Amino acid sequence: MAQTTSLKKSPPLSEATPQSVGISPERLKKLDAMLEESIKNEELPGLVALIVRNGKIVYHSAKGFADVESGKAMQKDAIFRIASQTKAITSTAVMMLWEEGKFRLDDPISKFIPEFKNPQVLQNFRYGDTSYTTVAANKEITICHLLTHSAGIGYGGIDQDERIRMIYQKEGIVEAFDTKGMTNEINIKKLAKLPLIQNPGEKFRYSMSIDVLGYLVEVVSGMPLDKFFQERIFSPLGMKDTWFYLPENLAPRLVEVHVPHEGKWIKPDPNMGWDSSFPISGSKSLFSGGGGLSSTAMDYAKFLQMYLNGGEYNGVRILSRNTIETMMANQSVELDENVGTYHGLAFAVTSEKTIAKGGLGSLGTFEWGGAFNTQYFADPKENIIGIILKQTLGGNEPTGWKFKQMVYSLIDD
């Protein structure tokens, strides 16, 4: 079942001249030159960038290589592992079910996944044998805690707390990428028995909580997460290139992951723990709501445009405008008090404080990114979307902040 047909019918994304939507063509050339230079200087192996304003594509460019080793050129329809950009899609699925009255946001997650009952917080830890003691948490984890990354759950391999990293690794928790037969049910039920790093609701802590919500979607809808996404989000929005595991015909369009090595870009060493067969082969049984999807710039732009349209795209309503207002509201989970961004129910959102910093968007601009250097933002005031997709691990290049800053300089109306 798709979501619902809408009384409102915005047109699908289409190309238009920059000047027709108040974008300076001359300034766009400067942005293009900046990206061109980053490739020429080998700051990056390759990229795809896309800018949309008022529902019109004013810039869509592919530069550099999809695979440096073979010399394969990057294409505009290249497929990238979008990692944590998956989170916003999972959060959307959660809110679709919330709209159907399946649960309240302050319901305890244990109501649907009983293994989360009586959560424990890590107290003492022995590095010698990774044994630990816990103390009972002062409250249950709610669905809202999970949506805002304030549940107290950790993040395995990328957790800043070494103790959590060691506990998760010992228990075989899979963070996002798996080709060996893991499932959401096994993974999340194992995770539920492990200690929290803090009491639920205390503060933002980036975590596997969206993976927990991916399994919640499966439990509540009775469908595997990949099927729910395809039937209720991707097909209705025309996102034909977004998958957990790529069909055979799409696999050749997948971009290689690159790492910097002695001034060159190379494929990661298998000993780094990177499974290069993901998302093409293997068991294809884990659907990580926190990081498992691959997609294109164009597909992700459709998803973001749906949000800018107040939950509707091309005559299909995915979410109500009121639901989106709730999702963008300040849930009192501060991300960075210096910058002023806060976490809503799916994205980082800019506040009054952020605007003063400059180049970070208007009030209510929402954004996130992924571990392989993919980024996006969408600004409801200016009705503008910026997406820049790269496929690198490590390295410290400036195209991300430059791209965003320069997109805002294009506006000429």
Protein backbone atom coordinates (compact mmCIF):
# COMPACT_ATOMS: atom_id res chain seq x y z
CA MET A 1 0.00 0.00 0.00
CA ALA A 2 1.32 3.44 -0.86
CA GLN A 3 0.65 6.20 1.64
CA THR A 4 -2.35 8.30 0.47
CA THR A 5 -3.20 10.43 -2.53
CA SER A 6 -3.04 14.10 -1.65
CA LEU A 7 -5.42 17.00 -2.25
CA LYS A 8 -2.23 18.90 -3.10
CA LYS A 9 -0.21 17.91 -6.16
CA SER A 10 3.26 19.36 -6.44
CA PRO A 11 5.08 18.59 -9.69
CA PRO A 12 7.91 16.03 -9.72
CA LEU A 13 11.44 17.45 -9.77
CA SER A 14 12.46 18.76 -13.20
CA GLU A 15 15.29 20.82 -14.64
CA ALA A 16 15.05 24.59 -15.14
CA THR A 17 17.39 27.51 -15.78
CA PRO A 18 18.98 28.90 -12.62
CA GLN A 19 17.67 32.42 -13.27
CA SER A 20 14.06 31.14 -13.51
CA VAL A 21 14.19 30.34 -9.76
CA GLY A 22 16.35 33.22 -8.54
CA ILE A 23 19.77 31.53 -8.74
CA SER A 24 22.72 33.45 -10.20
CA PRO A 25 24.23 31.55 -13.18
CA GLU A 26 27.55 33.39 -12.76
CA ARG A 27 27.82 32.43 -9.11
CA LEU A 28 26.87 28.85 -9.99
CA LYS A 29 29.93 28.79 -12.28
CA LYS A 30 32.10 29.73 -9.28
CA LEU A 31 30.65 26.87 -7.22
CA ASP A 32 31.26 24.49 -10.13
CA ALA A 33 34.86 25.72 -10.43
CA MET A 34 35.41 25.09 -6.70
CA LEU A 35 34.27 21.45 -7.07
CA GLU A 36 36.29 21.06 -10.27
CA GLU A 37 39.40 22.29 -8.47
CA SER A 38 38.90 19.85 -5.57
CA ILE A 39 39.03 16.97 -8.05
CA LYS A 40 41.99 18.43 -9.95
CA ASN A 41 43.93 18.83 -6.67
CA GLU A 42 43.01 15.22 -5.77
CA GLU A 43 41.34 16.34 -2.55
CA LEU A 44 38.63 13.90 -3.66
CA PRO A 45 38.46 10.99 -6.11
CA GLY A 46 34.97 11.91 -7.33
CA LEU A 47 31.61 13.45 -6.42
CA VAL A 48 28.03 14.10 -7.49
CA ALA A 49 26.44 17.41 -6.49
CA LEU A 50 22.80 18.47 -6.88
CA ILE A 51 21.03 21.77 -6.13
CA VAL A 52 17.24 22.18 -6.25
CA ARG A 53 15.31 25.41 -5.74
CA ASN A 54 11.51 25.75 -5.76
CA GLY A 55 11.29 22.17 -6.98
CA LYS A 56 13.56 22.83 -9.96
CA ILE A 57 16.96 21.20 -10.52
CA VAL A 58 19.39 24.03 -11.29
CA TYR A 59 22.62 22.07 -10.90
CA HIS A 60 23.40 18.36 -11.22
CA SER A 61 27.00 17.45 -11.89
CA ALA A 62 29.29 14.42 -11.68
CA LYS A 63 33.06 14.92 -11.40
CA GLY A 64 36.12 12.71 -11.11
CA PHE A 65 36.10 8.94 -10.74
CA ALA A 66 33.66 6.36 -9.43
CA ASP A 67 36.66 4.01 -9.26
CA VAL A 68 40.17 5.47 -9.38
CA GLU A 69 41.88 2.11 -9.97
CA SER A 70 39.94 1.27 -13.14
CA GLY A 71 39.61 4.91 -14.25
CA LYS A 72 35.80 4.61 -14.35
CA ALA A 73 34.30 8.09 -14.63
CA MET A 74 31.67 9.30 -12.14
CA GLN A 75 28.12 9.54 -13.55
CA LYS A 76 25.17 11.65 -12.32
CA ASP A 77 23.15 8.49 -11.60
CA ALA A 78 25.99 6.87 -9.59
CA ILE A 79 24.83 4.93 -6.53
CA PHE A 80 26.49 5.73 -3.19
CA ARG A 81 26.39 4.01 0.19
CA ILE A 82 24.54 6.71 2.12
CA ALA A 83 25.09 5.17 5.59
CA SER A 84 23.51 7.48 8.21
CA GLN A 85 21.38 9.26 5.61
CA THR A 86 19.28 6.10 6.11
CA LYS A 87 18.26 7.42 9.54
CA ALA A 88 15.90 10.10 8.23
CA ILE A 89 14.09 7.51 6.09
CA THR A 90 13.67 5.14 9.06
CA SER A 91 12.41 8.01 11.23
CA THR A 92 9.93 8.86 8.46
CA ALA A 93 8.64 5.26 8.51
CA VAL A 94 8.24 5.48 12.31
CA MET A 95 6.21 8.68 12.01
CA MET A 96 4.03 7.18 9.27
CA LEU A 97 3.06 4.41 11.70
CA TRP A 98 2.61 6.98 14.48
CA GLU A 99 0.14 8.82 12.22
CA GLU A 100 -1.84 5.57 11.99
CA GLY A 101 -2.20 5.50 15.78
CA LYS A 102 0.03 2.45 16.24
CA PHE A 103 1.84 3.97 19.27
CA ARG A 104 2.56 7.17 21.15
CA LEU A 105 5.99 8.78 21.12
CA ASP A 106 6.26 8.43 24.89
CA ASP A 107 5.41 4.71 24.80
CA PRO A 108 8.22 2.55 26.22
CA ILE A 109 9.99 0.58 23.48
CA SER A 110 9.62 -2.52 25.72
CA LYS A 111 5.89 -2.50 24.89
CA PHE A 112 6.91 -3.68 21.38
CA ILE A 113 10.34 -5.22 22.01
CA PRO A 114 10.06 -6.78 25.52
CA GLU A 115 13.81 -7.40 25.74
CA PHE A 116 14.23 -3.66 26.49
CA LYS A 117 12.28 -3.97 29.77
CA ASN A 118 14.17 -2.84 32.90
CA PRO A 119 17.18 -1.21 31.21
CA GLN A 120 20.51 -1.14 33.08
CA VAL A 121 23.18 1.57 33.04
CA LEU A 122 26.88 0.68 32.94
CA GLN A 123 28.59 1.32 36.29
CA ASN A 124 31.98 -0.40 36.67
CA PHE A 125 34.00 -1.94 33.84
CA ARG A 126 37.08 -4.19 33.87
CA TYR A 127 39.30 -3.76 30.81
CA GLY A 128 41.06 -7.07 31.48
CA ASP A 129 38.06 -9.27 30.72
CA THR A 130 35.35 -6.71 29.69
CA SER A 131 33.21 -7.75 32.67
CA TYR A 132 31.04 -5.01 34.12
CA THR A 133 28.45 -4.12 36.75
CA THR A 134 25.28 -2.13 36.18
CA VAL A 135 22.70 -0.14 38.07
CA ALA A 136 19.00 0.04 37.13
CA ALA A 137 18.15 2.97 34.81
CA ASN A 138 15.85 5.58 36.34
CA LYS A 139 13.27 5.23 33.56
CA GLU A 140 12.25 3.13 30.56
CA ILE A 141 13.48 3.97 27.04
CA THR A 142 10.71 5.60 24.99
CA ILE A 143 10.24 5.80 21.23
CA CYS A 144 10.94 9.54 21.50
CA HIS A 145 14.27 8.87 23.28
CA LEU A 146 15.24 6.63 20.34
CA LEU A 147 14.24 9.20 17.70
CA THR A 148 16.35 11.88 19.42
CA HIS A 149 19.41 9.69 20.19
CA SER A 150 18.92 10.26 23.90
CA ALA A 151 18.10 6.65 24.88
CA GLY A 152 21.58 6.00 26.31
CA ILE A 153 22.43 3.34 23.71
CA GLY A 154 25.96 3.38 22.22
CA TYR A 155 27.39 2.86 18.73
CA GLY A 156 29.81 -0.07 18.67
CA GLY A 157 32.76 0.64 16.41
CA ILE A 158 32.38 4.43 16.35
CA ASP A 159 31.45 4.99 19.98
CA GLN A 160 33.70 7.49 21.75
CA ASP A 161 33.36 5.39 24.88
CA GLU A 162 35.84 2.55 24.55
CA ARG A 163 33.95 0.42 27.10
CA ILE A 164 30.76 0.39 25.02
CA ARG A 165 32.80 -0.35 21.91
CA MET A 166 34.41 -3.36 23.60
CA ILE A 167 31.09 -4.67 24.99
CA TYR A 168 29.34 -4.43 21.61
CA GLN A 169 32.22 -6.04 19.75
CA LYS A 170 32.40 -8.92 22.23
CA GLU A 171 28.65 -9.56 21.84
CA GLY A 172 28.86 -9.41 18.02
CA ILE A 173 26.56 -6.42 17.56
CA VAL A 174 26.44 -5.37 13.89
CA GLU A 175 26.29 -1.61 13.40
CA ALA A 176 25.18 -1.31 9.79
CA PHE A 177 26.93 -3.51 7.24
CA ASP A 178 26.59 -7.26 7.22
CA THR A 179 26.91 -9.98 4.61
CA LYS A 180 27.00 -12.95 7.00
CA GLY A 181 23.39 -13.66 7.93
CA MET A 182 22.55 -11.25 10.75
CA THR A 183 18.91 -10.07 11.01
CA ASN A 184 17.32 -7.04 12.68
CA GLU A 185 15.53 -9.29 15.18
CA ILE A 186 18.67 -11.11 16.37
CA ASN A 187 20.81 -7.96 16.38
CA ILE A 188 18.38 -5.71 18.26
CA LYS A 189 17.32 -8.35 20.81
CA LYS A 190 21.04 -8.86 21.61
CA LEU A 191 21.55 -5.10 21.88
CA ALA A 192 18.56 -4.78 24.23
CA LYS A 193 20.29 -6.93 26.86
CA LEU A 194 23.43 -4.74 26.94
CA PRO A 195 24.00 -1.83 29.33
CA LEU A 196 23.20 1.79 28.54
CA ILE A 197 25.86 4.47 28.85
CA GLN A 198 23.49 6.94 30.56
CA ASN A 199 19.92 7.17 31.84
CA PRO A 200 17.36 7.60 29.03
CA GLY A 201 16.57 11.21 28.14
CA GLU A 202 19.69 12.74 29.70
CA LYS A 203 21.43 14.07 26.57
CA PHE A 204 22.13 13.50 22.88
CA ARG A 205 24.40 10.54 22.24
CA TYR A 206 24.75 9.35 18.64
CA SER A 207 23.78 5.71 18.66
CA MET A 208 22.21 2.60 17.20
CA SER A 209 18.80 3.80 18.39
CA ILE A 210 17.56 4.24 14.81
CA ASP A 211 18.44 0.59 14.15
CA VAL A 212 16.19 -0.26 17.08
CA LEU A 213 13.45 1.79 15.41
CA GLY A 214 14.02 -0.08 12.13
CA TYR A 215 13.14 -3.26 14.00
CA LEU A 216 10.17 -1.48 15.65
CA VAL A 217 8.82 -0.73 12.14
CA GLU A 218 9.08 -4.45 11.34
CA VAL A 219 7.30 -5.47 14.57
CA VAL A 220 4.47 -2.95 14.23
CA SER A 221 3.91 -3.23 10.46
CA GLY A 222 4.49 -6.99 10.20
CA MET A 223 6.77 -6.35 7.19
CA PRO A 224 10.55 -6.59 6.73
CA LEU A 225 12.04 -3.09 6.73
CA ASP A 226 13.18 -3.26 3.09
CA LYS A 227 9.66 -4.15 1.97
CA PHE A 228 8.08 -1.37 4.07
CA PHE A 229 10.48 1.19 2.58
CA GLN A 230 9.89 -0.01 -0.99
CA GLU A 231 6.10 -0.15 -0.78
CA ARG A 232 5.39 2.86 1.37
CA ILE A 233 8.18 5.36 0.68
CA PHE A 234 10.38 4.55 -2.33
CA SER A 235 7.76 3.44 -4.89
CA PRO A 236 5.33 6.29 -4.07
CA LEU A 237 8.15 8.87 -4.34
CA GLY A 238 9.70 7.32 -7.47
CA MET A 239 12.96 6.48 -5.65
CA LYS A 240 13.84 3.59 -7.93
CA ASP A 241 17.58 3.53 -7.15
CA THR A 242 17.41 3.32 -3.33
CA TRP A 243 17.97 -0.13 -1.79
CA PHE A 244 19.48 -1.98 1.15
CA TYR A 245 20.96 -4.52 -1.29
CA LEU A 246 21.28 -3.62 -4.96
CA PRO A 247 19.53 -5.66 -7.63
CA GLU A 248 22.02 -7.14 -10.10
CA ASN A 249 21.26 -4.61 -12.85
CA LEU A 250 22.10 -1.66 -10.54
CA ALA A 251 25.33 -3.07 -9.05
CA PRO A 252 27.62 -1.66 -11.81
CA ARG A 253 26.54 1.88 -10.84
CA LEU A 254 27.84 1.54 -7.24
CA VAL A 255 30.78 3.85 -6.47
CA GLU A 256 33.93 2.37 -4.91
CA VAL A 257 34.90 3.44 -1.39
CA HIS A 258 38.32 5.14 -1.35
CA VAL A 259 40.79 5.93 1.43
CA PRO A 260 43.74 8.36 1.33
CA HIS A 261 47.17 6.71 1.16
CA GLU A 262 50.45 8.53 0.51
CA GLY A 263 48.76 11.30 -1.42
CA LYS A 264 46.63 8.92 -3.53
CA TRP A 265 43.12 7.52 -3.31
CA ILE A 266 43.02 3.72 -3.04
CA LYS A 267 40.52 0.98 -2.11
CA PRO A 268 40.42 0.15 1.62
CA ASP A 269 42.52 -2.75 2.89
CA PRO A 270 40.17 -5.66 3.81
CA ASN A 271 41.96 -5.79 7.19
CA MET A 272 40.37 -2.43 8.05
CA GLY A 273 37.18 -4.36 8.74
CA TRP A 274 35.50 -2.91 5.66
CA ASP A 275 33.32 -5.41 3.81
CA SER A 276 33.63 -4.34 0.16
CA SER A 277 30.96 -6.83 -0.95
CA PHE A 278 28.29 -4.74 0.83
CA PRO A 279 25.67 -4.01 -0.57
CA ILE A 280 26.07 -6.34 -3.54
CA SER A 281 26.52 -9.88 -2.25
CA GLY A 282 26.28 -11.99 0.89
CA SER A 283 23.27 -13.01 2.95
CA LYS A 284 21.30 -9.76 2.38
CA SER A 285 19.32 -10.37 5.56
CA LEU A 286 20.13 -7.33 7.76
CA PHE A 287 18.23 -4.11 7.02
CA SER A 288 20.03 -1.49 9.09
CA GLY A 289 17.66 1.40 9.79
CA GLY A 290 20.63 3.41 10.98
CA GLY A 291 23.00 2.97 8.07
CA GLY A 292 22.21 0.30 5.47
CA LEU A 293 20.87 2.11 2.39
CA SER A 294 22.49 3.02 -0.91
CA SER A 295 21.00 5.72 -3.14
CA THR A 296 21.54 8.46 -5.74
CA ALA A 297 21.57 12.25 -5.39
CA MET A 298 18.36 12.42 -7.44
CA ASP A 299 16.46 9.89 -5.31
CA TYR A 300 17.46 11.59 -2.07
CA ALA A 301 16.40 14.96 -3.49
CA LYS A 302 12.88 13.57 -4.05
CA PHE A 303 12.77 12.47 -0.41
CA LEU A 304 13.90 15.92 0.82
CA GLN A 305 11.53 17.74 -1.54
CA MET A 306 8.66 15.77 0.01
CA TYR A 307 9.64 17.34 3.36
CA LEU A 308 9.91 20.84 1.87
CA ASN A 309 6.44 20.32 0.35
CA GLY A 310 5.03 19.64 3.83
CA GLY A 311 4.91 15.85 3.44
CA GLU A 312 3.63 15.55 -0.14
CA TYR A 313 5.39 14.89 -3.46
CA ASN A 314 3.85 14.46 -6.92
CA GLY A 315 0.36 13.97 -5.49
CA VAL A 316 1.34 11.38 -2.86
CA ARG A 317 1.16 12.29 0.82
CA ILE A 318 3.74 10.50 2.95
CA LEU A 319 3.30 12.58 6.13
CA SER A 320 0.98 15.34 7.27
CA ARG A 321 2.26 18.91 7.50
CA ASN A 322 1.49 18.85 11.24
CA THR A 323 3.62 15.74 11.72
CA ILE A 324 6.56 17.43 10.01
CA GLU A 325 6.19 20.46 12.31
CA THR A 326 6.49 18.07 15.28
CA MET A 327 9.52 16.37 13.74
CA MET A 328 11.30 19.70 13.20
CA ALA A 329 10.47 21.06 16.67
CA ASN A 330 13.18 21.41 19.30
CA GLN A 331 12.98 18.24 21.38
CA SER A 332 15.39 19.77 23.93
CA VAL A 333 18.22 17.63 22.63
CA GLU A 334 21.03 20.11 21.93
CA LEU A 335 23.62 18.89 19.41
CA ASP A 336 26.18 21.65 19.69
CA GLU A 337 25.42 24.60 21.93
CA ASN A 338 28.13 26.67 20.19
CA VAL A 339 26.48 26.31 16.79
CA GLY A 340 22.92 26.19 18.10
CA THR A 341 21.71 23.18 16.12
CA TYR A 342 19.30 20.83 17.85
CA HIS A 343 17.99 17.38 17.01
CA GLY A 344 14.35 17.08 16.04
CA LEU A 345 12.80 13.65 15.43
CA ALA A 346 14.88 12.89 12.31
CA PHE A 347 17.35 15.65 11.49
CA ALA A 348 19.72 18.26 12.88
CA VAL A 349 17.81 21.56 12.69
CA THR A 350 19.14 25.12 12.74
CA SER A 351 18.01 27.57 15.43
CA GLU A 352 18.20 31.39 15.76
CA LYS A 353 21.69 30.93 17.19
CA THR A 354 22.88 29.07 14.09
CA ILE A 355 21.89 31.85 11.69
CA ALA A 356 24.33 34.26 13.34
CA LYS A 357 27.18 31.90 12.40
CA GLY A 358 26.52 32.50 8.68
CA GLY A 359 26.39 30.08 5.76
CA LEU A 360 24.53 27.42 7.74
CA GLY A 361 21.03 28.08 6.50
CA SER A 362 17.80 29.81 7.50
CA LEU A 363 15.81 29.00 10.60
CA GLY A 364 14.51 25.43 10.33
CA THR A 365 17.08 24.19 7.81
CA PHE A 366 17.48 20.45 8.35
CA GLU A 367 20.44 18.25 7.52
CA TRP A 368 22.55 15.18 8.19
CA GLY A 369 25.22 13.12 6.45
CA GLY A 370 26.78 9.69 6.23
CA ALA A 371 30.03 7.97 7.25
CA PHE A 372 31.29 7.78 3.65
CA ASN A 373 31.33 11.57 3.28
CA THR A 374 27.82 12.16 1.94
CA GLN A 375 25.95 15.30 3.00
CA TYR A 376 22.61 17.02 2.46
CA PHE A 377 20.63 20.00 3.69
CA ALA A 378 17.18 21.39 2.92
CA ASP A 379 16.02 24.92 3.75
CA PRO A 380 12.23 25.44 3.99
CA LYS A 381 12.48 29.27 3.97
CA GLU A 382 14.54 29.48 0.78
CA ASN A 383 13.00 26.25 -0.60
CA ILE A 384 16.46 25.00 -1.51
CA ILE A 385 18.13 21.56 -1.35
CA GLY A 386 21.86 20.90 -1.53
CA ILE A 387 23.26 17.37 -1.84
CA ILE A 388 26.92 16.44 -2.24
CA LEU A 389 27.82 12.75 -2.39
CA LYS A 390 31.35 11.39 -2.09
CA GLN A 391 32.56 7.90 -1.19
CA THR A 392 35.61 8.23 1.03
CA LEU A 393 36.74 7.09 4.46
CA GLY A 394 39.19 9.41 6.20
CA GLY A 395 40.88 12.44 4.72
CA ASN A 396 40.00 16.00 5.61
CA GLU A 397 38.87 17.97 2.60
CA PRO A 398 36.80 21.18 2.62
CA THR A 399 34.23 20.66 -0.16
CA GLY A 400 31.41 19.94 2.34
CA TRP A 401 31.42 23.30 4.13
CA LYS A 402 32.43 25.19 0.97
CA PHE A 403 29.51 23.67 -0.99
CA LYS A 404 26.93 24.65 1.61
CA GLN A 405 28.32 28.15 2.11
CA MET A 406 28.44 28.76 -1.65
CA VAL A 407 24.92 27.40 -2.28
CA TYR A 408 23.58 30.21 -0.10
CA SER A 409 25.62 32.75 -2.04
CA LEU A 410 23.81 31.73 -5.27
CA ILE A 411 20.44 33.15 -4.21
CA ASP A 412 19.73 36.27 -6.28
CA ASP A 413 16.08 37.27 -5.95
